[in-house]
Amino acid sequence: MEKTSELNGHQVRSERSTRLILRAAGDLVVEGGYQTMTLATVGERAGYSRSLATARFGSKAKLLEALVDEIQQHWQIETALPSVEGESGLQALRTIIINIRDAYKRDPWSLSVMYALMFEALRPVPDLRGRFTEFHRNLRSNIASVIAAGIEDGSIDPSVEPEHQASAIIAQLRGVGYLWQLDPESIDPEAVLTLFMEQCTEYLSSGRDAGD
C-alpha cells in the first residue's frame, strides 16, 4: 500500500511538472516566439531546473509538438459538439460561436498560445504549418457539417454552400483573434463576436428574405 501511494504521488508530481513546463513554453512562445525559446529557459520559467524540460521531452521539437497537441485538443470543435446535441443546425452553430466568444474571458491564456502558434506556423518551423493546416481543415469540415445539418433540418437556407460559409466563419474568428492579439485595448472580442453571431445566424436562417 505504501509503495502504491508513493508511486501515485510521483505520478501526480510528474503530471504537475509537465503541465507547468507546457505552460511555461506557451508563455515564452507568446512573449518572444518559438525561435527564441530554449529548453533551459522553459525549465527555469516553470520553476524547475534548466535540464528538466530536456529530460522530460528530449528536444525542443518534441516539446513544441506536445504544446501543439495540448492546445489543439483544447480547441477542437468536438469539445463544443456534445453541448449542441438535439439542437437544430442553426442553433448548434450559434452555440459553437458563443463557446468561442466566451473563451476570451474563460481561457485567454490558451487562446493567446493558439494564435502565437498559428503565427509561428507561417515561419520555417518544422511540421508546424502542416499541423495547423490540418487543424483548420478539420475545423472547416466540422463547421460545414453543422451547416449541412441545418440545411437538412430546415433551419438554414438551402442556398448556402456549407464549405464556403464555414471558411468565411473561420476567417472572421481568426480576424477577431488577430486584432485582439495585436491591439487588445482597441477591441472587445466578446462584443464583436456577439454581433457576428447575430449577423451570421440571421443571414443563414431559412426564414430570411429571398432577396437578402
Foldseek 3Di string as FASTA:
>chain_A
DVVVVVVVVVVVVVVLLLVLLLLLQLVCCLVPRLVPDDCQSSQVSSPHHSCPSCVVQVGSLSSVVVSLVVLLVVPQLVVLVVVCPPPALLVSLLSSLLVLLCCVVVPVSSLSSVLSLVVNLVPPDPPSVVSVVVSLVNQLVVNLVSLVRNVVVQFFAPVDRSSVLSVVVVVVSVVLSVCCSVPVVVDNSNVVSVVVSVVSSQNGGNPHDPVD
